[in-house]
Amino acid sequence: MSHLIYRFAVGLVCLMASQHVVCAEDWKKGSVAIFAIEAGVDIMEMGQRDLKLSVNEVPTYVPGLLIAKSEGTNRVSMLASNGVLIDFKGAGYFAIERFEQEALGLEWLDAKHESGQSRMILNLRAGTLIVDQRKLLNVSQAALEAPVGRFSGNNDSLWMIQLSKDARKRTYSFNVYCVQGTLRYIDLTGRTFTIRSGQRITGAGSALNPSVEVAAITSDAQEYLDDYLERVSALKDMGLAEEGFLSATKKMRLDGVVEDLSPLQKETANVIAIEARPVVIEYAPRSAPVTPFQGVARPPSVDELDLF
């Protein structure tokens, strides 16, 4: 009886593993089409040691994990292969840190929604960013990480964030505008703020505990958003092609790993996995100092005296 239970358990585990591999084969690392870029914006593929990508003409199709840096008020606009429109303007730093999606379907560019679910994590350290995620499915996930917390909208959202840092005071100021949908902001202490269509939140202070207020969208922000919508309306004339997105997508790292191994390699890998000893990392508490530390405060300089 125990032998039958064992065989059933092994079969169940193998079935679940095979389903996991099949599902993994349907997921790809997404791609991005850069359809507008101004001089002064550097685009780099994440993990490539700051090797700048050449964007000599638009649209240019690149892998979806990328970094955009700008020292001035320069702009780059891009369309992700899951239908998310992104518009970044410096000075600042923006990155797509995670982007994976189910295999692209046919004629998805003109469809109302993406062809399959996706997961995306963005990062903004400074600058102005517009995120148009109205094409995402309800099962998809998209979030923005910032020094002041995390922002995530429902999948019919169009929103914008302006973020700046005062390096001397080590404080941040930000404005977040929700044009459509609902946006949620969670700061580093766990406080949650909900921003609805037509609202904005403004915050200032330290990254850990900024003061936050809710207000209406300003006329300057509305003008900036209207300009964005006008530029995006010309996308149909850009000649974007689904083949270009497909050429820049990549297989997930898990794809084909087991299938590419020979029978001997599989057997060796199984033996190594069974015989491998677990690695245990232990942390010892910090010991007390042997001798007391004494700091000597120097008198302030002439420049420092002028600050007080």
C-alpha atoms as a PDB file:
ATOM      1  CA  MET A   1       0.000   0.000   0.000  1.00  0.00           C
ATOM      2  CA  SER A   2       2.824   2.380   0.903  1.00  0.00           C
ATOM      3  CA  HIS A   3       4.484   1.544  -2.412  1.00  0.00           C
ATOM      4  CA  LEU A   4       1.360   2.618  -4.330  1.00  0.00           C
ATOM      5  CA  ILE A   5       1.143   5.853  -2.353  1.00  0.00           C
ATOM      6  CA  TYR A   6       4.800   6.556  -3.135  1.00  0.00           C
ATOM      7  CA  ARG A   7       4.282   5.953  -6.866  1.00  0.00           C
ATOM      8  CA  PHE A   8       1.204   8.204  -6.857  1.00  0.00           C
ATOM      9  CA  ALA A   9       3.117  10.993  -5.096  1.00  0.00           C
ATOM     10  CA  VAL A  10       6.031  10.758  -7.531  1.00  0.00           C
ATOM     11  CA  GLY A  11       3.655  10.834 -10.492  1.00  0.00           C
ATOM     12  CA  LEU A  12       1.852  13.861  -9.097  1.00  0.00           C
ATOM     13  CA  VAL A  13       5.135  15.745  -8.589  1.00  0.00           C
ATOM     14  CA  CYS A  14       6.261  14.911 -12.140  1.00  0.00           C
ATOM     15  CA  LEU A  15       2.927  16.099 -13.538  1.00  0.00           C
ATOM     16  CA  MET A  16       3.146  19.390 -11.666  1.00  0.00           C
ATOM     17  CA  ALA A  17       6.740  19.871 -12.823  1.00  0.00           C
ATOM     18  CA  SER A  18       5.840  19.212 -16.443  1.00  0.00           C
ATOM     19  CA  GLN A  19       2.960  21.689 -16.252  1.00  0.00           C
ATOM     20  CA  HIS A  20       5.331  24.268 -14.773  1.00  0.00           C
ATOM     21  CA  VAL A  21       7.764  23.827 -17.663  1.00  0.00           C
ATOM     22  CA  VAL A  22       4.971  24.080 -20.234  1.00  0.00           C
ATOM     23  CA  CYS A  23       3.664  27.265 -18.613  1.00  0.00           C
ATOM     24  CA  ALA A  24       7.190  28.696 -18.482  1.00  0.00           C
ATOM     25  CA  GLU A  25       7.569  28.150 -22.226  1.00  0.00           C
ATOM     26  CA  ASP A  26       4.608  30.490 -22.811  1.00  0.00           C
ATOM     27  CA  TRP A  27       6.313  33.373 -20.975  1.00  0.00           C
ATOM     28  CA  LYS A  28       8.856  35.681 -22.559  1.00  0.00           C
ATOM     29  CA  LYS A  29      10.903  38.664 -21.500  1.00  0.00           C
ATOM     30  CA  GLY A  30       9.117  41.628 -23.019  1.00  0.00           C
ATOM     31  CA  SER A  31      10.478  44.169 -25.465  1.00  0.00           C
ATOM     32  CA  VAL A  32      10.141  47.895 -26.037  1.00  0.00           C
ATOM     33  CA  ALA A  33       9.828  50.108 -29.105  1.00  0.00           C
ATOM     34  CA  ILE A  34      11.453  53.530 -28.662  1.00  0.00           C
ATOM     35  CA  PHE A  35       9.459  55.795 -30.964  1.00  0.00           C
ATOM     36  CA  ALA A  36      10.687  59.231 -29.838  1.00  0.00           C
ATOM     37  CA  ILE A  37      13.957  60.265 -28.213  1.00  0.00           C
ATOM     38  CA  GLU A  38      15.736  63.582 -27.771  1.00  0.00           C
ATOM     39  CA  ALA A  39      19.468  64.186 -27.729  1.00  0.00           C
ATOM     40  CA  GLY A  40      20.852  63.918 -24.213  1.00  0.00           C
ATOM     41  CA  VAL A  41      18.979  60.766 -23.191  1.00  0.00           C
ATOM     42  CA  ASP A  42      21.172  57.688 -22.731  1.00  0.00           C
ATOM     43  CA  ILE A  43      19.524  54.261 -23.123  1.00  0.00           C
ATOM     44  CA  MET A  44      21.267  51.207 -21.674  1.00  0.00           C
ATOM     45  CA  GLU A  45      20.291  47.564 -21.462  1.00  0.00           C
ATOM     46  CA  MET A  46      20.105  46.536 -17.830  1.00  0.00           C
ATOM     47  CA  GLY A  47      22.996  44.329 -16.728  1.00  0.00           C
ATOM     48  CA  GLN A  48      25.291  45.309 -19.601  1.00  0.00           C
ATOM     49  CA  ARG A  49      27.741  47.499 -17.656  1.00  0.00           C
ATOM     50  CA  ASP A  50      26.307  50.810 -18.801  1.00  0.00           C
ATOM     51  CA  LEU A  51      26.809  49.967 -22.464  1.00  0.00           C
ATOM     52  CA  LYS A  52      24.777  52.583 -24.337  1.00  0.00           C
ATOM     53  CA  LEU A  53      22.307  51.376 -26.940  1.00  0.00           C
ATOM     54  CA  SER A  54      22.430  53.013 -30.332  1.00  0.00           C
ATOM     55  CA  VAL A  55      19.129  54.708 -31.178  1.00  0.00           C
ATOM     56  CA  ASN A  56      19.913  56.298 -34.530  1.00  0.00           C
ATOM     57  CA  GLU A  57      16.395  56.038 -35.929  1.00  0.00           C
ATOM     58  CA  VAL A  58      12.909  55.446 -34.617  1.00  0.00           C
ATOM     59  CA  PRO A  59      11.186  53.186 -34.006  1.00  0.00           C
ATOM     60  CA  THR A  60      13.991  51.090 -32.489  1.00  0.00           C
ATOM     61  CA  TYR A  61      13.137  47.762 -30.861  1.00  0.00           C
ATOM     62  CA  VAL A  62      15.173  46.809 -27.797  1.00  0.00           C
ATOM     63  CA  PRO A  63      14.882  44.267 -24.946  1.00  0.00           C
ATOM     64  CA  GLY A  64      12.466  45.389 -22.267  1.00  0.00           C
ATOM     65  CA  LEU A  65      14.886  45.601 -19.326  1.00  0.00           C
ATOM     66  CA  LEU A  66      16.505  48.981 -19.820  1.00  0.00           C
ATOM     67  CA  ILE A  67      17.725  52.162 -18.157  1.00  0.00           C
ATOM     68  CA  ALA A  68      17.145  55.735 -19.322  1.00  0.00           C
ATOM     69  CA  LYS A  69      19.272  58.567 -17.943  1.00  0.00           C
ATOM     70  CA  SER A  70      19.166  62.263 -18.715  1.00  0.00           C
ATOM     71  CA  GLU A  71      21.122  65.150 -17.235  1.00  0.00           C
ATOM     72  CA  GLY A  72      18.777  67.744 -18.698  1.00  0.00           C
ATOM     73  CA  THR A  73      15.100  68.121 -19.542  1.00  0.00           C
ATOM     74  CA  ASN A  74      15.262  65.621 -22.395  1.00  0.00           C
ATOM     75  CA  ARG A  75      12.526  63.132 -23.219  1.00  0.00           C
ATOM     76  CA  VAL A  76      12.156  59.558 -24.440  1.00  0.00           C
ATOM     77  CA  SER A  77       8.873  57.838 -25.332  1.00  0.00           C
ATOM     78  CA  MET A  78       8.399  54.101 -25.687  1.00  0.00           C
ATOM     79  CA  LEU A  79       5.746  51.442 -26.190  1.00  0.00           C
ATOM     80  CA  ALA A  80       6.142  48.126 -24.372  1.00  0.00           C
ATOM     81  CA  SER A  81       5.106  44.845 -25.964  1.00  0.00           C
ATOM     82  CA  ASN A  82       2.260  44.536 -23.432  1.00  0.00           C
ATOM     83  CA  GLY A  83       0.759  47.816 -24.651  1.00  0.00           C
ATOM     84  CA  VAL A  84       2.005  50.053 -21.814  1.00  0.00           C
ATOM     85  CA  LEU A  85       3.000  53.522 -23.029  1.00  0.00           C
ATOM     86  CA  ILE A  86       5.844  55.194 -21.127  1.00  0.00           C
ATOM     87  CA  ASP A  87       7.033  58.787 -21.433  1.00  0.00           C
ATOM     88  CA  PHE A  88      10.095  59.831 -19.391  1.00  0.00           C
ATOM     89  CA  LYS A  89      11.562  63.307 -19.106  1.00  0.00           C
ATOM     90  CA  GLY A  90      14.689  64.224 -17.156  1.00  0.00           C
ATOM     91  CA  ALA A  91      16.674  65.329 -15.443  1.00  0.00           C
ATOM     92  CA  GLY A  92      16.719  61.973 -13.730  1.00  0.00           C
ATOM     93  CA  TYR A  93      16.822  58.209 -13.907  1.00  0.00           C
ATOM     94  CA  PHE A  94      14.213  55.696 -15.056  1.00  0.00           C
ATOM     95  CA  ALA A  95      14.412  51.924 -15.469  1.00  0.00           C
ATOM     96  CA  ILE A  96      12.295  48.899 -16.342  1.00  0.00           C
ATOM     97  CA  GLU A  97      13.569  46.360 -13.820  1.00  0.00           C
ATOM     98  CA  ARG A  98      11.161  43.505 -14.519  1.00  0.00           C
ATOM     99  CA  PHE A  99       9.120  42.775 -17.607  1.00  0.00           C
ATOM    100  CA  GLU A 100       7.737  39.394 -18.565  1.00  0.00           C
ATOM    101  CA  GLN A 101       4.631  38.385 -20.433  1.00  0.00           C
ATOM    102  CA  GLU A 102       2.856  35.537 -22.101  1.00  0.00           C
ATOM    103  CA  ALA A 103       3.712  34.879 -25.731  1.00  0.00           C
ATOM    104  CA  LEU A 104       2.503  37.617 -28.057  1.00  0.00           C
ATOM    105  CA  GLY A 105      -0.585  36.907 -30.102  1.00  0.00           C
ATOM    106  CA  LEU A 106      -1.477  38.087 -33.587  1.00  0.00           C
ATOM    107  CA  GLU A 107      -2.557  41.649 -34.367  1.00  0.00           C
ATOM    108  CA  TRP A 108      -2.252  42.727 -30.737  1.00  0.00           C
ATOM    109  CA  LEU A 109      -1.087  46.239 -31.648  1.00  0.00           C
ATOM    110  CA  ASP A 110      -4.555  47.252 -32.788  1.00  0.00           C
ATOM    111  CA  ALA A 111      -6.403  45.237 -30.132  1.00  0.00           C
ATOM    112  CA  LYS A 112      -8.085  46.860 -27.156  1.00  0.00           C
ATOM    113  CA  HIS A 113      -6.085  44.780 -24.665  1.00  0.00           C
ATOM    114  CA  GLU A 114      -2.822  42.895 -24.570  1.00  0.00           C
ATOM    115  CA  SER A 115      -2.840  39.332 -25.903  1.00  0.00           C
ATOM    116  CA  GLY A 116      -1.871  37.756 -22.546  1.00  0.00           C
ATOM    117  CA  GLN A 117      -1.088  38.697 -18.976  1.00  0.00           C
ATOM    118  CA  SER A 118       2.158  40.436 -18.042  1.00  0.00           C
ATOM    119  CA  ARG A 119       4.202  41.546 -15.032  1.00  0.00           C
ATOM    120  CA  MET A 120       6.148  44.791 -14.952  1.00  0.00           C
ATOM    121  CA  ILE A 121       8.152  46.708 -12.324  1.00  0.00           C
ATOM    122  CA  LEU A 122       9.335  50.233 -13.110  1.00  0.00           C
ATOM    123  CA  ASN A 123      11.789  52.389 -11.177  1.00  0.00           C
ATOM    124  CA  LEU A 124      12.008  56.188 -11.041  1.00  0.00           C
ATOM    125  CA  ARG A 125      14.639  58.011  -9.019  1.00  0.00           C
ATOM    126  CA  ALA A 126      14.031  61.488 -10.413  1.00  0.00           C
ATOM    127  CA  GLY A 127      12.268  63.086 -13.354  1.00  0.00           C
ATOM    128  CA  THR A 128       8.788  63.179 -14.885  1.00  0.00           C
ATOM    129  CA  LEU A 129       7.109  59.945 -15.915  1.00  0.00           C
ATOM    130  CA  ILE A 130       3.790  59.233 -17.625  1.00  0.00           C
ATOM    131  CA  VAL A 131       2.458  55.662 -17.461  1.00  0.00           C
ATOM    132  CA  ASP A 132      -0.457  54.701 -19.693  1.00  0.00           C
ATOM    133  CA  GLN A 133      -1.522  51.179 -18.719  1.00  0.00           C
ATOM    134  CA  ARG A 134      -5.061  51.217 -20.064  1.00  0.00           C
ATOM    135  CA  LYS A 135      -4.313  48.268 -22.356  1.00  0.00           C
ATOM    136  CA  LEU A 136      -3.433  45.836 -19.554  1.00  0.00           C
ATOM    137  CA  LEU A 137      -5.638  42.906 -18.617  1.00  0.00           C
ATOM    138  CA  ASN A 138      -7.087  42.694 -15.109  1.00  0.00           C
ATOM    139  CA  VAL A 139      -4.787  39.767 -14.300  1.00  0.00           C
ATOM    140  CA  SER A 140      -1.659  41.722 -15.233  1.00  0.00           C
ATOM    141  CA  GLN A 141       0.494  43.573 -12.731  1.00  0.00           C
ATOM    142  CA  ALA A 142       2.400  46.851 -13.050  1.00  0.00           C
ATOM    143  CA  ALA A 143       4.064  48.866 -10.291  1.00  0.00           C
ATOM    144  CA  LEU A 144       6.468  51.760  -9.949  1.00  0.00           C
ATOM    145  CA  GLU A 145       9.177  51.779  -7.287  1.00  0.00           C
ATOM    146  CA  ALA A 146      10.412  55.183  -6.122  1.00  0.00           C
ATOM    147  CA  PRO A 147      12.566  56.428  -3.227  1.00  0.00           C
ATOM    148  CA  VAL A 148       9.366  57.547  -1.457  1.00  0.00           C
ATOM    149  CA  GLY A 149       7.404  54.298  -1.870  1.00  0.00           C
ATOM    150  CA  ARG A 150       5.471  52.210  -4.383  1.00  0.00           C
ATOM    151  CA  PHE A 151       2.782  53.290  -6.838  1.00  0.00           C
ATOM    152  CA  SER A 152       0.375  50.910  -8.572  1.00  0.00           C
ATOM    153  CA  GLY A 153      -2.743  51.607 -10.597  1.00  0.00           C
ATOM    154  CA  ASN A 154      -5.638  49.503 -11.717  1.00  0.00           C
ATOM    155  CA  ASN A 155      -5.412  48.332 -15.299  1.00  0.00           C
ATOM    156  CA  ASP A 156      -7.352  51.170 -16.897  1.00  0.00           C
ATOM    157  CA  SER A 157      -5.108  53.866 -15.435  1.00  0.00           C
ATOM    158  CA  LEU A 158      -3.366  56.830 -17.000  1.00  0.00           C
ATOM    159  CA  TRP A 159      -1.196  58.736 -14.556  1.00  0.00           C
ATOM    160  CA  MET A 160       1.896  60.900 -14.147  1.00  0.00           C
ATOM    161  CA  ILE A 161       4.515  61.477 -11.460  1.00  0.00           C
ATOM    162  CA  GLN A 162       6.994  64.317 -11.011  1.00  0.00           C
ATOM    163  CA  LEU A 163       9.816  63.477  -8.590  1.00  0.00           C
ATOM    164  CA  SER A 164      12.822  65.571  -7.550  1.00  0.00           C
ATOM    165  CA  LYS A 165      15.481  65.300  -4.864  1.00  0.00           C
ATOM    166  CA  ASP A 166      17.255  67.927  -2.802  1.00  0.00           C
ATOM    167  CA  ALA A 167      20.686  66.355  -2.393  1.00  0.00           C
ATOM    168  CA  ARG A 168      21.816  68.848   0.255  1.00  0.00           C
ATOM    169  CA  LYS A 169      18.794  68.385   2.506  1.00  0.00           C
ATOM    170  CA  ARG A 170      18.289  64.733   1.507  1.00  0.00           C
ATOM    171  CA  THR A 171      14.601  65.313   0.941  1.00  0.00           C
ATOM    172  CA  TYR A 172      12.183  64.618  -1.903  1.00  0.00           C
ATOM    173  CA  SER A 173       9.259  66.443  -3.416  1.00  0.00           C
ATOM    174  CA  PHE A 174       6.732  64.789  -5.702  1.00  0.00           C
ATOM    175  CA  ASN A 175       3.413  65.312  -7.424  1.00  0.00           C
ATOM    176  CA  VAL A 176       1.302  62.406  -8.669  1.00  0.00           C
ATOM    177  CA  TYR A 177      -1.601  62.988 -11.047  1.00  0.00           C
ATOM    178  CA  CYS A 178      -4.305  60.436 -11.831  1.00  0.00           C
ATOM    179  CA  VAL A 179      -6.040  61.216 -15.128  1.00  0.00           C
ATOM    180  CA  GLN A 180      -8.009  57.997 -15.433  1.00  0.00           C
ATOM    181  CA  GLY A 181      -8.590  54.997 -13.202  1.00  0.00           C
ATOM    182  CA  THR A 182      -7.450  54.648  -9.610  1.00  0.00           C
ATOM    183  CA  LEU A 183      -3.915  54.827  -8.245  1.00  0.00           C
ATOM    184  CA  ARG A 184      -2.582  53.512  -4.942  1.00  0.00           C
ATOM    185  CA  TYR A 185       0.472  54.883  -3.161  1.00  0.00           C
ATOM    186  CA  ILE A 186       2.158  53.039  -0.267  1.00  0.00           C
ATOM    187  CA  ASP A 187       4.971  54.915   1.467  1.00  0.00           C
ATOM    188  CA  LEU A 188       7.929  53.343   3.247  1.00  0.00           C
ATOM    189  CA  THR A 189       6.107  53.266   6.593  1.00  0.00           C
ATOM    190  CA  GLY A 190       3.144  51.353   5.165  1.00  0.00           C
ATOM    191  CA  ARG A 191       0.685  54.241   4.908  1.00  0.00           C
ATOM    192  CA  THR A 192      -1.683  53.851   1.945  1.00  0.00           C
ATOM    193  CA  PHE A 193      -3.134  56.675  -0.150  1.00  0.00           C
ATOM    194  CA  THR A 194      -5.722  56.294  -2.918  1.00  0.00           C
ATOM    195  CA  ILE A 195      -5.748  58.746  -5.816  1.00  0.00           C
ATOM    196  CA  ARG A 196      -8.830  58.788  -7.995  1.00  0.00           C
ATOM    197  CA  SER A 197      -9.443  60.195 -11.449  1.00  0.00           C
ATOM    198  CA  GLY A 198      -8.974  63.970 -11.511  1.00  0.00           C
ATOM    199  CA  GLN A 199      -6.971  64.056  -8.278  1.00  0.00           C
ATOM    200  CA  ARG A 200      -3.321  64.506  -7.391  1.00  0.00           C
ATOM    201  CA  ILE A 201      -1.242  64.050  -4.284  1.00  0.00           C
ATOM    202  CA  THR A 202       1.679  66.264  -3.422  1.00  0.00           C
ATOM    203  CA  GLY A 203       4.389  65.200  -1.020  1.00  0.00           C
ATOM    204  CA  ALA A 204       7.574  66.638   0.444  1.00  0.00           C
ATOM    205  CA  GLY A 205      10.079  65.671   3.091  1.00  0.00           C
ATOM    206  CA  SER A 206      12.279  62.723   3.903  1.00  0.00           C
ATOM    207  CA  ALA A 207      11.880  59.493   1.975  1.00  0.00           C
ATOM    208  CA  LEU A 208      10.802  57.649   5.124  1.00  0.00           C
ATOM    209  CA  ASN A 209       7.997  59.969   6.177  1.00  0.00           C
ATOM    210  CA  PRO A 210       7.000  62.675   3.692  1.00  0.00           C
ATOM    211  CA  SER A 211       4.025  64.925   4.339  1.00  0.00           C
ATOM    212  CA  VAL A 212       1.275  64.148   1.796  1.00  0.00           C
ATOM    213  CA  GLU A 213      -1.765  66.183   0.735  1.00  0.00           C
ATOM    214  CA  VAL A 214      -4.568  65.512  -1.758  1.00  0.00           C
ATOM    215  CA  ALA A 215      -5.530  68.202  -4.262  1.00  0.00           C
ATOM    216  CA  ALA A 216      -6.828  68.717  -7.799  1.00  0.00           C
ATOM    217  CA  ILE A 217      -4.803  68.409 -11.007  1.00  0.00           C
ATOM    218  CA  THR A 218      -3.048  71.670 -11.880  1.00  0.00           C
ATOM    219  CA  SER A 219      -3.454  73.410 -15.236  1.00  0.00           C
ATOM    220  CA  ASP A 220       0.273  73.020 -16.010  1.00  0.00           C
ATOM    221  CA  ALA A 221       0.080  69.274 -15.480  1.00  0.00           C
ATOM    222  CA  GLN A 222      -3.048  69.017 -17.625  1.00  0.00           C
ATOM    223  CA  GLU A 223      -1.285  70.896 -20.416  1.00  0.00           C
ATOM    224  CA  TYR A 224       1.685  68.521 -20.199  1.00  0.00           C
ATOM    225  CA  LEU A 225      -0.623  65.496 -20.346  1.00  0.00           C
ATOM    226  CA  ASP A 226      -2.556  66.944 -23.298  1.00  0.00           C
ATOM    227  CA  ASP A 227       0.720  67.360 -25.165  1.00  0.00           C
ATOM    228  CA  TYR A 228       1.557  63.722 -24.425  1.00  0.00           C
ATOM    229  CA  LEU A 229      -1.820  62.522 -25.709  1.00  0.00           C
ATOM    230  CA  GLU A 230      -1.363  64.525 -28.896  1.00  0.00           C
ATOM    231  CA  ARG A 231       2.039  62.975 -29.533  1.00  0.00           C
ATOM    232  CA  VAL A 232       0.763  59.467 -28.837  1.00  0.00           C
ATOM    233  CA  SER A 233      -2.107  59.934 -31.280  1.00  0.00           C
ATOM    234  CA  ALA A 234       0.461  59.910 -34.094  1.00  0.00           C
ATOM    235  CA  LEU A 235       1.659  56.406 -33.182  1.00  0.00           C
ATOM    236  CA  LYS A 236      -0.337  54.812 -35.991  1.00  0.00           C
ATOM    237  CA  ASP A 237       1.792  56.726 -38.482  1.00  0.00           C
ATOM    238  CA  MET A 238       5.056  55.471 -36.949  1.00  0.00           C
ATOM    239  CA  GLY A 239       4.920  52.131 -38.743  1.00  0.00           C
ATOM    240  CA  LEU A 240       5.288  49.985 -35.633  1.00  0.00           C
ATOM    241  CA  ALA A 241       5.436  46.284 -36.502  1.00  0.00           C
ATOM    242  CA  GLU A 242       4.706  43.255 -34.346  1.00  0.00           C
ATOM    243  CA  GLU A 243       7.699  41.499 -35.928  1.00  0.00           C
ATOM    244  CA  GLY A 244       9.976  44.159 -34.462  1.00  0.00           C
ATOM    245  CA  PHE A 245       8.716  43.490 -30.939  1.00  0.00           C
ATOM    246  CA  LEU A 246       9.093  39.735 -31.442  1.00  0.00           C
ATOM    247  CA  SER A 247      12.696  40.120 -32.621  1.00  0.00           C
ATOM    248  CA  ALA A 248      13.615  41.904 -29.380  1.00  0.00           C
ATOM    249  CA  THR A 249      11.836  39.544 -26.962  1.00  0.00           C
ATOM    250  CA  LYS A 250      13.885  36.937 -25.138  1.00  0.00           C
ATOM    251  CA  LYS A 251      13.134  33.532 -23.716  1.00  0.00           C
ATOM    252  CA  MET A 252      12.758  33.226 -19.988  1.00  0.00           C
ATOM    253  CA  ARG A 253      15.838  31.842 -18.295  1.00  0.00           C
ATOM    254  CA  LEU A 254      13.951  28.705 -17.271  1.00  0.00           C
ATOM    255  CA  ASP A 255      12.986  27.844 -20.872  1.00  0.00           C
ATOM    256  CA  GLY A 256      14.707  24.830 -22.367  1.00  0.00           C
ATOM    257  CA  VAL A 257      17.124  24.267 -19.464  1.00  0.00           C
ATOM    258  CA  VAL A 258      15.967  20.702 -18.824  1.00  0.00           C
ATOM    259  CA  GLU A 259      15.321  19.903 -22.460  1.00  0.00           C
ATOM    260  CA  ASP A 260      18.825  20.975 -23.564  1.00  0.00           C
ATOM    261  CA  LEU A 261      20.550  18.559 -21.164  1.00  0.00           C
ATOM    262  CA  SER A 262      21.676  15.179 -22.406  1.00  0.00           C
ATOM    263  CA  PRO A 263      20.602  12.024 -20.483  1.00  0.00           C
ATOM    264  CA  LEU A 264      24.068  11.793 -18.904  1.00  0.00           C
ATOM    265  CA  GLN A 265      23.950  15.441 -17.865  1.00  0.00           C
ATOM    266  CA  LYS A 266      20.493  14.968 -16.363  1.00  0.00           C
ATOM    267  CA  GLU A 267      21.667  11.969 -14.327  1.00  0.00           C
ATOM    268  CA  THR A 268      24.769  13.844 -13.149  1.00  0.00           C
ATOM    269  CA  ALA A 269      22.701  16.882 -12.200  1.00  0.00           C
ATOM    270  CA  ASN A 270      20.296  14.711 -10.181  1.00  0.00           C
ATOM    271  CA  VAL A 271      23.187  13.058  -8.305  1.00  0.00           C
ATOM    272  CA  ILE A 272      24.758  16.432  -7.531  1.00  0.00           C
ATOM    273  CA  ALA A 273      21.422  17.797  -6.314  1.00  0.00           C
ATOM    274  CA  ILE A 274      20.942  14.805  -3.984  1.00  0.00           C
ATOM    275  CA  GLU A 275      24.491  14.742  -2.614  1.00  0.00           C
ATOM    276  CA  ALA A 276      24.925  18.497  -2.271  1.00  0.00           C
ATOM    277  CA  ARG A 277      25.168  19.670   1.313  1.00  0.00           C
ATOM    278  CA  PRO A 278      23.014  22.644   2.298  1.00  0.00           C
ATOM    279  CA  VAL A 279      24.782  25.938   2.814  1.00  0.00           C
ATOM    280  CA  VAL A 280      24.025  27.506   6.195  1.00  0.00           C
ATOM    281  CA  ILE A 281      24.937  31.144   6.765  1.00  0.00           C
ATOM    282  CA  GLU A 282      24.983  32.225  10.367  1.00  0.00           C
ATOM    283  CA  TYR A 283      25.289  35.806  11.601  1.00  0.00           C
ATOM    284  CA  ALA A 284      27.051  36.436  14.902  1.00  0.00           C
ATOM    285  CA  PRO A 285      26.034  39.500  16.937  1.00  0.00           C
ATOM    286  CA  ARG A 286      28.391  42.467  16.727  1.00  0.00           C
ATOM    287  CA  SER A 287      30.849  42.440  19.614  1.00  0.00           C
ATOM    288  CA  ALA A 288      31.334  45.373  21.940  1.00  0.00           C
ATOM    289  CA  PRO A 289      34.297  47.646  21.149  1.00  0.00           C
ATOM    290  CA  VAL A 290      37.518  46.820  22.970  1.00  0.00           C
ATOM    291  CA  THR A 291      38.373  50.465  23.566  1.00  0.00           C
ATOM    292  CA  PRO A 292      35.882  53.332  23.737  1.00  0.00           C
ATOM    293  CA  PHE A 293      35.687  55.514  20.644  1.00  0.00           C
ATOM    294  CA  GLN A 294      36.163  59.219  21.064  1.00  0.00           C
ATOM    295  CA  GLY A 295      35.340  61.636  18.275  1.00  0.00           C
ATOM    296  CA  VAL A 296      36.919  65.064  17.987  1.00  0.00           C
ATOM    297  CA  ALA A 297      34.692  67.793  16.533  1.00  0.00           C
ATOM    298  CA  ARG A 298      36.579  70.319  14.434  1.00  0.00           C
ATOM    299  CA  PRO A 299      35.511  73.986  14.379  1.00  0.00           C
ATOM    300  CA  PRO A 300      33.243  74.966  11.461  1.00  0.00           C
ATOM    301  CA  SER A 301      34.812  76.415   8.328  1.00  0.00           C
ATOM    302  CA  VAL A 302      34.109  79.913   7.012  1.00  0.00           C
ATOM    303  CA  ASP A 303      31.619  78.558   4.463  1.00  0.00           C
ATOM    304  CA  GLU A 304      29.816  76.554   7.137  1.00  0.00           C
ATOM    305  CA  LEU A 305      29.605  79.599   9.401  1.00  0.00           C
ATOM    306  CA  ASP A 306      27.715  81.436   6.648  1.00  0.00           C
ATOM    307  CA  LEU A 307      25.037  78.752   6.664  1.00  0.00           C
ATOM    308  CA  PHE A 308      24.014  79.460  10.246  1.00  0.00           C
END
